[in-house]
Amino acid sequence: MPEIGWGDWTVLETGSPHVLAIRYDWRGNSVIAVHNVDSKPQTVRLPSGQPLVNLLSNDHSEGGKIAIEGHGYRWYRVGGLVEILNRERA
């Protein structure tokens, strides 16, 4: 994932002190990593404005609302494949 290796990162507000979300941006593409550090399930809403495509399963998010199990994690690409292919290279 070049976004993580070479991109700029921003910590996102999740509304939960138990959930860490970091957005990585590189050349017009973005990835969001979400980690629940609590043993209890959490539900958070991320400020993305675009569909979130889960990179590890088919559990995608259209509205930025994410349910995550205790000690769970999710990695998302911001926007769908069509949106990524249509972006201009920065």
PDB file of N, CA and C in Angstrom:
ATOM      1  N   MET A   1       0.825  -1.169   0.000  1.00  0.00           N
ATOM      2  CA  MET A   1       0.000   0.000   0.000  1.00  0.00           C
ATOM      3  C   MET A   1       0.875   1.240   0.000  1.00  0.00           C
ATOM      4  N   PRO A   2       1.047   1.851  -1.148  1.00  0.00           N
ATOM      5  CA  PRO A   2       1.880   3.056  -1.200  1.00  0.00           C
ATOM      6  C   PRO A   2       1.320   4.206  -0.386  1.00  0.00           C
ATOM      7  N   GLU A   3      -0.007   4.219  -0.182  1.00  0.00           N
ATOM      8  CA  GLU A   3      -0.595   5.292   0.628  1.00  0.00           C
ATOM      9  C   GLU A   3      -0.008   5.283   2.039  1.00  0.00           C
ATOM     10  N   ILE A   4       0.174   4.109   2.611  1.00  0.00           N
ATOM     11  CA  ILE A   4       0.717   4.006   3.962  1.00  0.00           C
ATOM     12  C   ILE A   4       2.220   4.275   3.959  1.00  0.00           C
ATOM     13  N   GLY A   5       2.917   3.750   2.986  1.00  0.00           N
ATOM     14  CA  GLY A   5       4.365   3.912   2.938  1.00  0.00           C
ATOM     15  C   GLY A   5       4.833   5.302   2.570  1.00  0.00           C
ATOM     16  N   TRP A   6       4.142   5.948   1.626  1.00  0.00           N
ATOM     17  CA  TRP A   6       4.628   7.218   1.100  1.00  0.00           C
ATOM     18  C   TRP A   6       3.691   8.397   1.332  1.00  0.00           C
ATOM     19  N   GLY A   7       2.472   8.124   1.766  1.00  0.00           N
ATOM     20  CA  GLY A   7       1.483   9.191   1.863  1.00  0.00           C
ATOM     21  C   GLY A   7       1.527   9.980   3.155  1.00  0.00           C
ATOM     22  N   ASP A   8       0.729  11.035   3.163  1.00  0.00           N
ATOM     23  CA  ASP A   8       0.517  11.822   4.375  1.00  0.00           C
ATOM     24  C   ASP A   8      -0.590  11.158   5.180  1.00  0.00           C
ATOM     25  N   TRP A   9      -0.559  11.310   6.487  1.00  0.00           N
ATOM     26  CA  TRP A   9      -1.569  10.675   7.323  1.00  0.00           C
ATOM     27  C   TRP A   9      -2.243  11.696   8.226  1.00  0.00           C
ATOM     28  N   THR A  10      -3.486  11.368   8.590  1.00  0.00           N
ATOM     29  CA  THR A  10      -4.304  12.198   9.467  1.00  0.00           C
ATOM     30  C   THR A  10      -5.083  11.281  10.401  1.00  0.00           C
ATOM     31  N   VAL A  11      -5.100  11.595  11.691  1.00  0.00           N
ATOM     32  CA  VAL A  11      -5.937  10.860  12.638  1.00  0.00           C
ATOM     33  C   VAL A  11      -7.356  11.396  12.505  1.00  0.00           C
ATOM     34  N   LEU A  12      -8.331  10.496  12.343  1.00  0.00           N
ATOM     35  CA  LEU A  12      -9.730  10.871  12.163  1.00  0.00           C
ATOM     36  C   LEU A  12     -10.493  10.789  13.479  1.00  0.00           C
ATOM     37  N   GLU A  13     -11.465  11.663  13.639  1.00  0.00           N
ATOM     38  CA  GLU A  13     -12.355  11.632  14.800  1.00  0.00           C
ATOM     39  C   GLU A  13     -13.322  10.459  14.639  1.00  0.00           C
ATOM     40  N   THR A  14     -13.408   9.623  15.665  1.00  0.00           N
ATOM     41  CA  THR A  14     -14.304   8.461  15.616  1.00  0.00           C
ATOM     42  C   THR A  14     -15.460   8.589  16.602  1.00  0.00           C
ATOM     43  N   GLY A  15     -15.338   9.480  17.569  1.00  0.00           N
ATOM     44  CA  GLY A  15     -16.365   9.592  18.597  1.00  0.00           C
ATOM     45  C   GLY A  15     -16.205   8.571  19.708  1.00  0.00           C
ATOM     46  N   SER A  16     -15.178   7.747  19.638  1.00  0.00           N
ATOM     47  CA  SER A  16     -14.923   6.735  20.663  1.00  0.00           C
ATOM     48  C   SER A  16     -13.458   6.802  21.080  1.00  0.00           C
ATOM     49  N   PRO A  17     -13.195   6.852  22.388  1.00  0.00           N
ATOM     50  CA  PRO A  17     -11.796   6.853  22.828  1.00  0.00           C
ATOM     51  C   PRO A  17     -11.116   5.496  22.640  1.00  0.00           C
ATOM     52  N   HIS A  18     -11.888   4.483  22.252  1.00  0.00           N
ATOM     53  CA  HIS A  18     -11.350   3.130  22.092  1.00  0.00           C
ATOM     54  C   HIS A  18     -11.021   2.773  20.645  1.00  0.00           C
ATOM     55  N   VAL A  19     -11.375   3.668  19.703  1.00  0.00           N
ATOM     56  CA  VAL A  19     -11.181   3.356  18.288  1.00  0.00           C
ATOM     57  C   VAL A  19     -10.249   4.387  17.657  1.00  0.00           C
ATOM     58  N   LEU A  20      -9.160   3.886  17.074  1.00  0.00           N
ATOM     59  CA  LEU A  20      -8.194   4.726  16.372  1.00  0.00           C
ATOM     60  C   LEU A  20      -8.418   4.566  14.875  1.00  0.00           C
ATOM     61  N   ALA A  21      -8.588   5.682  14.174  1.00  0.00           N
ATOM     62  CA  ALA A  21      -8.737   5.660  12.717  1.00  0.00           C
ATOM     63  C   ALA A  21      -7.723   6.621  12.118  1.00  0.00           C
ATOM     64  N   ILE A  22      -6.946   6.128  11.167  1.00  0.00           N
ATOM     65  CA  ILE A  22      -5.935   6.945  10.499  1.00  0.00           C
ATOM     66  C   ILE A  22      -6.182   6.885   8.996  1.00  0.00           C
ATOM     67  N   ARG A  23      -6.204   8.062   8.368  1.00  0.00           N
ATOM     68  CA  ARG A  23      -6.376   8.155   6.918  1.00  0.00           C
ATOM     69  C   ARG A  23      -5.021   8.469   6.291  1.00  0.00           C
ATOM     70  N   TYR A  24      -4.667   7.696   5.264  1.00  0.00           N
ATOM     71  CA  TYR A  24      -3.425   7.886   4.526  1.00  0.00           C
ATOM     72  C   TYR A  24      -3.779   8.343   3.113  1.00  0.00           C
ATOM     73  N   ASP A  25      -3.164   9.429   2.639  1.00  0.00           N
ATOM     74  CA  ASP A  25      -3.434   9.976   1.315  1.00  0.00           C
ATOM     75  C   ASP A  25      -2.148  10.041   0.505  1.00  0.00           C
ATOM     76  N   TRP A  26      -2.235   9.548  -0.743  1.00  0.00           N
ATOM     77  CA  TRP A  26      -1.074   9.599  -1.642  1.00  0.00           C
ATOM     78  C   TRP A  26      -1.566   9.587  -3.081  1.00  0.00           C
ATOM     79  N   ARG A  27      -1.144  10.576  -3.845  1.00  0.00           N
ATOM     80  CA  ARG A  27      -1.469  10.693  -5.274  1.00  0.00           C
ATOM     81  C   ARG A  27      -2.957  10.546  -5.578  1.00  0.00           C
ATOM     82  N   GLY A  28      -3.786  11.185  -4.777  1.00  0.00           N
ATOM     83  CA  GLY A  28      -5.223  11.168  -5.020  1.00  0.00           C
ATOM     84  C   GLY A  28      -5.946   9.918  -4.550  1.00  0.00           C
ATOM     85  N   ASN A  29      -5.232   8.983  -3.944  1.00  0.00           N
ATOM     86  CA  ASN A  29      -5.841   7.771  -3.400  1.00  0.00           C
ATOM     87  C   ASN A  29      -5.745   7.810  -1.881  1.00  0.00           C
ATOM     88  N   SER A  30      -6.724   7.181  -1.224  1.00  0.00           N
ATOM     89  CA  SER A  30      -6.756   7.197   0.239  1.00  0.00           C
ATOM     90  C   SER A  30      -7.115   5.827   0.802  1.00  0.00           C
ATOM     91  N   VAL A  31      -6.518   5.522   1.948  1.00  0.00           N
ATOM     92  CA  VAL A  31      -6.795   4.310   2.700  1.00  0.00           C
ATOM     93  C   VAL A  31      -7.055   4.722   4.143  1.00  0.00           C
ATOM     94  N   ILE A  32      -8.037   4.091   4.784  1.00  0.00           N
ATOM     95  CA  ILE A  32      -8.324   4.343   6.189  1.00  0.00           C
ATOM     96  C   ILE A  32      -8.155   3.038   6.956  1.00  0.00           C
ATOM     97  N   ALA A  33      -7.330   3.073   8.006  1.00  0.00           N
ATOM     98  CA  ALA A  33      -7.141   1.931   8.904  1.00  0.00           C
ATOM     99  C   ALA A  33      -7.869   2.246  10.204  1.00  0.00           C
ATOM    100  N   VAL A  34      -8.730   1.310  10.650  1.00  0.00           N
ATOM    101  CA  VAL A  34      -9.533   1.497  11.859  1.00  0.00           C
ATOM    102  C   VAL A  34      -9.207   0.352  12.814  1.00  0.00           C
ATOM    103  N   HIS A  35      -8.877   0.700  14.072  1.00  0.00           N
ATOM    104  CA  HIS A  35      -8.508  -0.315  15.058  1.00  0.00           C
ATOM    105  C   HIS A  35      -9.265  -0.064  16.365  1.00  0.00           C
ATOM    106  N   ASN A  36      -9.951  -1.090  16.839  1.00  0.00           N
ATOM    107  CA  ASN A  36     -10.643  -1.037  18.129  1.00  0.00           C
ATOM    108  C   ASN A  36      -9.699  -1.638  19.173  1.00  0.00           C
ATOM    109  N   VAL A  37      -9.247  -0.819  20.114  1.00  0.00           N
ATOM    110  CA  VAL A  37      -8.305  -1.302  21.120  1.00  0.00           C
ATOM    111  C   VAL A  37      -9.012  -1.782  22.392  1.00  0.00           C
ATOM    112  N   ASP A  38     -10.339  -1.765  22.386  1.00  0.00           N
ATOM    113  CA  ASP A  38     -11.127  -2.227  23.525  1.00  0.00           C
ATOM    114  C   ASP A  38     -11.588  -3.661  23.285  1.00  0.00           C
ATOM    115  N   SER A  39     -11.887  -4.380  24.348  1.00  0.00           N
ATOM    116  CA  SER A  39     -12.387  -5.750  24.210  1.00  0.00           C
ATOM    117  C   SER A  39     -13.869  -5.781  23.852  1.00  0.00           C
ATOM    118  N   LYS A  40     -14.565  -4.652  23.970  1.00  0.00           N
ATOM    119  CA  LYS A  40     -15.990  -4.577  23.653  1.00  0.00           C
ATOM    120  C   LYS A  40     -16.199  -4.064  22.235  1.00  0.00           C
ATOM    121  N   PRO A  41     -17.256  -4.525  21.566  1.00  0.00           N
ATOM    122  CA  PRO A  41     -17.562  -4.010  20.225  1.00  0.00           C
ATOM    123  C   PRO A  41     -17.847  -2.508  20.266  1.00  0.00           C
ATOM    124  N   GLN A  42     -17.526  -1.827  19.191  1.00  0.00           N
ATOM    125  CA  GLN A  42     -17.754  -0.391  19.075  1.00  0.00           C
ATOM    126  C   GLN A  42     -18.416  -0.107  17.731  1.00  0.00           C
ATOM    127  N   THR A  43     -19.209   0.957  17.686  1.00  0.00           N
ATOM    128  CA  THR A  43     -19.770   1.456  16.432  1.00  0.00           C
ATOM    129  C   THR A  43     -19.344   2.909  16.290  1.00  0.00           C
ATOM    130  N   VAL A  44     -18.739   3.236  15.168  1.00  0.00           N
ATOM    131  CA  VAL A  44     -18.255   4.598  14.934  1.00  0.00           C
ATOM    132  C   VAL A  44     -18.700   5.072  13.555  1.00  0.00           C
ATOM    133  N   ARG A  45     -18.645   6.372  13.354  1.00  0.00           N
ATOM    134  CA  ARG A  45     -18.934   6.960  12.045  1.00  0.00           C
ATOM    135  C   ARG A  45     -17.707   7.763  11.621  1.00  0.00           C
ATOM    136  N   LEU A  46     -17.204   7.443  10.436  1.00  0.00           N
ATOM    137  CA  LEU A  46     -16.021   8.119   9.921  1.00  0.00           C
ATOM    138  C   LEU A  46     -16.412   9.198   8.917  1.00  0.00           C
ATOM    139  N   PRO A  47     -15.709  10.316   8.928  1.00  0.00           N
ATOM    140  CA  PRO A  47     -16.000  11.404   7.996  1.00  0.00           C
ATOM    141  C   PRO A  47     -15.316  11.187   6.646  1.00  0.00           C
ATOM    142  N   SER A  48     -15.907  10.380   5.782  1.00  0.00           N
ATOM    143  CA  SER A  48     -15.248  10.120   4.496  1.00  0.00           C
ATOM    144  C   SER A  48     -15.951  10.807   3.335  1.00  0.00           C
ATOM    145  N   GLY A  49     -17.290  10.834   3.347  1.00  0.00           N
ATOM    146  CA  GLY A  49     -18.030  11.439   2.246  1.00  0.00           C
ATOM    147  C   GLY A  49     -18.073  10.573   1.003  1.00  0.00           C
ATOM    148  N   GLN A  50     -17.394   9.434   1.004  1.00  0.00           N
ATOM    149  CA  GLN A  50     -17.361   8.515  -0.130  1.00  0.00           C
ATOM    150  C   GLN A  50     -17.542   7.095   0.398  1.00  0.00           C
ATOM    151  N   PRO A  51     -17.884   6.161  -0.493  1.00  0.00           N
ATOM    152  CA  PRO A  51     -17.966   4.766  -0.052  1.00  0.00           C
ATOM    153  C   PRO A  51     -16.617   4.288   0.487  1.00  0.00           C
ATOM    154  N   LEU A  52     -16.663   3.418   1.479  1.00  0.00           N
ATOM    155  CA  LEU A  52     -15.458   2.807   2.024  1.00  0.00           C
ATOM    156  C   LEU A  52     -15.451   1.345   1.613  1.00  0.00           C
ATOM    157  N   VAL A  53     -14.467   0.944   0.838  1.00  0.00           N
ATOM    158  CA  VAL A  53     -14.365  -0.414   0.322  1.00  0.00           C
ATOM    159  C   VAL A  53     -13.405  -1.196   1.208  1.00  0.00           C
ATOM    160  N   ASN A  54     -13.940  -2.198   1.910  1.00  0.00           N
ATOM    161  CA  ASN A  54     -13.131  -3.001   2.816  1.00  0.00           C
ATOM    162  C   ASN A  54     -12.105  -3.791   2.018  1.00  0.00           C
ATOM    163  N   LEU A  55     -10.847  -3.671   2.383  1.00  0.00           N
ATOM    164  CA  LEU A  55      -9.773  -4.355   1.663  1.00  0.00           C
ATOM    165  C   LEU A  55      -9.572  -5.799   2.104  1.00  0.00           C
ATOM    166  N   LEU A  56     -10.209  -6.185   3.224  1.00  0.00           N
ATOM    167  CA  LEU A  56      -9.987  -7.521   3.765  1.00  0.00           C
ATOM    168  C   LEU A  56     -11.220  -8.412   3.738  1.00  0.00           C
ATOM    169  N   SER A  57     -12.390  -7.850   3.373  1.00  0.00           N
ATOM    170  CA  SER A  57     -13.616  -8.645   3.309  1.00  0.00           C
ATOM    171  C   SER A  57     -14.631  -7.910   2.429  1.00  0.00           C
ATOM    172  N   ASN A  58     -15.842  -8.412   2.393  1.00  0.00           N
ATOM    173  CA  ASN A  58     -16.910  -7.758   1.628  1.00  0.00           C
ATOM    174  C   ASN A  58     -17.785  -6.872   2.501  1.00  0.00           C
ATOM    175  N   ASP A  59     -17.305  -6.497   3.672  1.00  0.00           N
ATOM    176  CA  ASP A  59     -18.039  -5.672   4.625  1.00  0.00           C
ATOM    177  C   ASP A  59     -17.755  -4.189   4.345  1.00  0.00           C
ATOM    178  N   HIS A  60     -18.357  -3.647   3.283  1.00  0.00           N
ATOM    179  CA  HIS A  60     -18.120  -2.273   2.869  1.00  0.00           C
ATOM    180  C   HIS A  60     -19.035  -1.328   3.633  1.00  0.00           C
ATOM    181  N   SER A  61     -18.747  -0.017   3.551  1.00  0.00           N
ATOM    182  CA  SER A  61     -19.544   0.977   4.261  1.00  0.00           C
ATOM    183  C   SER A  61     -19.877   2.125   3.325  1.00  0.00           C
ATOM    184  N   GLU A  62     -21.168   2.396   3.150  1.00  0.00           N
ATOM    185  CA  GLU A  62     -21.597   3.492   2.280  1.00  0.00           C
ATOM    186  C   GLU A  62     -21.677   4.815   3.025  1.00  0.00           C
ATOM    187  N   GLY A  63     -22.102   4.796   4.283  1.00  0.00           N
ATOM    188  CA  GLY A  63     -22.310   6.031   5.026  1.00  0.00           C
ATOM    189  C   GLY A  63     -21.226   6.351   6.026  1.00  0.00           C
ATOM    190  N   GLY A  64     -20.160   5.599   6.039  1.00  0.00           N
ATOM    191  CA  GLY A  64     -19.091   5.836   6.989  1.00  0.00           C
ATOM    192  C   GLY A  64     -19.342   5.226   8.356  1.00  0.00           C
ATOM    193  N   LYS A  65     -20.500   4.556   8.550  1.00  0.00           N
ATOM    194  CA  LYS A  65     -20.805   3.920   9.833  1.00  0.00           C
ATOM    195  C   LYS A  65     -20.192   2.528   9.861  1.00  0.00           C
ATOM    196  N   ILE A  66     -19.427   2.256  10.932  1.00  0.00           N
ATOM    197  CA  ILE A  66     -18.697   1.004  11.013  1.00  0.00           C
ATOM    198  C   ILE A  66     -18.934   0.351  12.369  1.00  0.00           C
ATOM    199  N   ALA A  67     -19.342  -0.909  12.365  1.00  0.00           N
ATOM    200  CA  ALA A  67     -19.426  -1.722  13.580  1.00  0.00           C
ATOM    201  C   ALA A  67     -18.184  -2.605  13.588  1.00  0.00           C
ATOM    202  N   ILE A  68     -17.471  -2.575  14.696  1.00  0.00           N
ATOM    203  CA  ILE A  68     -16.208  -3.308  14.770  1.00  0.00           C
ATOM    204  C   ILE A  68     -16.147  -4.084  16.090  1.00  0.00           C
ATOM    205  N   GLU A  69     -15.794  -5.353  16.002  1.00  0.00           N
ATOM    206  CA  GLU A  69     -15.754  -6.213  17.179  1.00  0.00           C
ATOM    207  C   GLU A  69     -14.601  -5.815  18.106  1.00  0.00           C
ATOM    208  N   GLY A  70     -14.642  -6.366  19.336  1.00  0.00           N
ATOM    209  CA  GLY A  70     -13.573  -6.106  20.289  1.00  0.00           C
ATOM    210  C   GLY A  70     -12.221  -6.513  19.738  1.00  0.00           C
ATOM    211  N   HIS A  71     -11.246  -5.652  19.881  1.00  0.00           N
ATOM    212  CA  HIS A  71      -9.884  -5.846  19.370  1.00  0.00           C
ATOM    213  C   HIS A  71      -9.867  -6.085  17.860  1.00  0.00           C
ATOM    214  N   GLY A  72     -10.883  -5.596  17.173  1.00  0.00           N
ATOM    215  CA  GLY A  72     -10.977  -5.789  15.731  1.00  0.00           C
ATOM    216  C   GLY A  72     -10.329  -4.659  14.949  1.00  0.00           C
ATOM    217  N   TYR A  73     -10.223  -4.859  13.653  1.00  0.00           N
ATOM    218  CA  TYR A  73      -9.656  -3.852  12.766  1.00  0.00           C
ATOM    219  C   TYR A  73     -10.304  -3.945  11.400  1.00  0.00           C
ATOM    220  N   ARG A  74     -10.273  -2.843  10.677  1.00  0.00           N
ATOM    221  CA  ARG A  74     -10.764  -2.777   9.304  1.00  0.00           C
ATOM    222  C   ARG A  74      -9.811  -1.880   8.507  1.00  0.00           C
ATOM    223  N   TRP A  75      -9.570  -2.232   7.270  1.00  0.00           N
ATOM    224  CA  TRP A  75      -8.805  -1.375   6.363  1.00  0.00           C
ATOM    225  C   TRP A  75      -9.688  -1.107   5.153  1.00  0.00           C
ATOM    226  N   TYR A  76      -9.859   0.164   4.827  1.00  0.00           N
ATOM    227  CA  TYR A  76     -10.748   0.570   3.743  1.00  0.00           C
ATOM    228  C   TYR A  76     -10.018   1.415   2.710  1.00  0.00           C
ATOM    229  N   ARG A  77     -10.383   1.229   1.463  1.00  0.00           N
ATOM    230  CA  ARG A  77     -10.003   2.168   0.413  1.00  0.00           C
ATOM    231  C   ARG A  77     -11.151   3.149   0.299  1.00  0.00           C
ATOM    232  N   VAL A  78     -10.839   4.437   0.228  1.00  0.00           N
ATOM    233  CA  VAL A  78     -11.865   5.471   0.124  1.00  0.00           C
ATOM    234  C   VAL A  78     -12.282   5.579  -1.335  1.00  0.00           C
ATOM    235  N   GLY A  79     -13.584   5.369  -1.591  1.00  0.00           N
ATOM    236  CA  GLY A  79     -14.106   5.389  -2.956  1.00  0.00           C
ATOM    237  C   GLY A  79     -14.026   4.004  -3.576  1.00  0.00           C
ATOM    238  N   GLY A  80     -14.841   3.793  -4.580  1.00  0.00           N
ATOM    239  CA  GLY A  80     -14.836   2.521  -5.283  1.00  0.00           C
ATOM    240  C   GLY A  80     -13.778   2.472  -6.362  1.00  0.00           C
ATOM    241  N   LEU A  81     -13.626   1.323  -6.989  1.00  0.00           N
ATOM    242  CA  LEU A  81     -12.614   1.129  -8.026  1.00  0.00           C
ATOM    243  C   LEU A  81     -12.827   2.074  -9.201  1.00  0.00           C
ATOM    244  N   VAL A  82     -14.058   2.299  -9.604  1.00  0.00           N
ATOM    245  CA  VAL A  82     -14.329   3.207 -10.729  1.00  0.00           C
ATOM    246  C   VAL A  82     -13.852   4.611 -10.404  1.00  0.00           C
ATOM    247  N   GLU A  83     -14.102   5.068  -9.172  1.00  0.00           N
ATOM    248  CA  GLU A  83     -13.641   6.401  -8.763  1.00  0.00           C
ATOM    249  C   GLU A  83     -12.129   6.485  -8.783  1.00  0.00           C
ATOM    250  N   ILE A  84     -11.450   5.431  -8.348  1.00  0.00           N
ATOM    251  CA  ILE A  84      -9.989   5.427  -8.337  1.00  0.00           C
ATOM    252  C   ILE A  84      -9.450   5.480  -9.752  1.00  0.00           C
ATOM    253  N   LEU A  85     -10.021   4.697 -10.662  1.00  0.00           N
ATOM    254  CA  LEU A  85      -9.540   4.674 -12.032  1.00  0.00           C
ATOM    255  C   LEU A  85      -9.783   5.983 -12.761  1.00  0.00           C
ATOM    256  N   ASN A  86     -10.834   6.715 -12.363  1.00  0.00           N
ATOM    257  CA  ASN A  86     -11.157   7.976 -13.024  1.00  0.00           C
ATOM    258  C   ASN A  86     -10.395   9.179 -12.476  1.00  0.00           C
ATOM    259  N   ARG A  87      -9.679   9.021 -11.389  1.00  0.00           N
ATOM    260  CA  ARG A  87      -8.920  10.132 -10.815  1.00  0.00           C
ATOM    261  C   ARG A  87      -7.718  10.461 -11.670  1.00  0.00           C
ATOM    262  N   GLU A  88      -7.361  11.725 -11.679  1.00  0.00           N
ATOM    263  CA  GLU A  88      -6.141  12.111 -12.346  1.00  0.00           C
ATOM    264  C   GLU A  88      -4.965  11.852 -11.431  1.00  0.00           C
ATOM    265  N   ARG A  89      -3.868  11.534 -12.023  1.00  0.00           N
ATOM    266  CA  ARG A  89      -2.661  11.294 -11.236  1.00  0.00           C
ATOM    267  C   ARG A  89      -2.130  12.621 -10.711  1.00  0.00           C
ATOM    268  N   ALA A  90      -1.918  12.692  -9.407  1.00  0.00           N
ATOM    269  CA  ALA A  90      -1.440  13.952  -8.790  1.00  0.00           C
ATOM    270  C   ALA A  90       0.057  14.058  -8.870  1.00  0.00           C
TER     271      ALA A  90
END
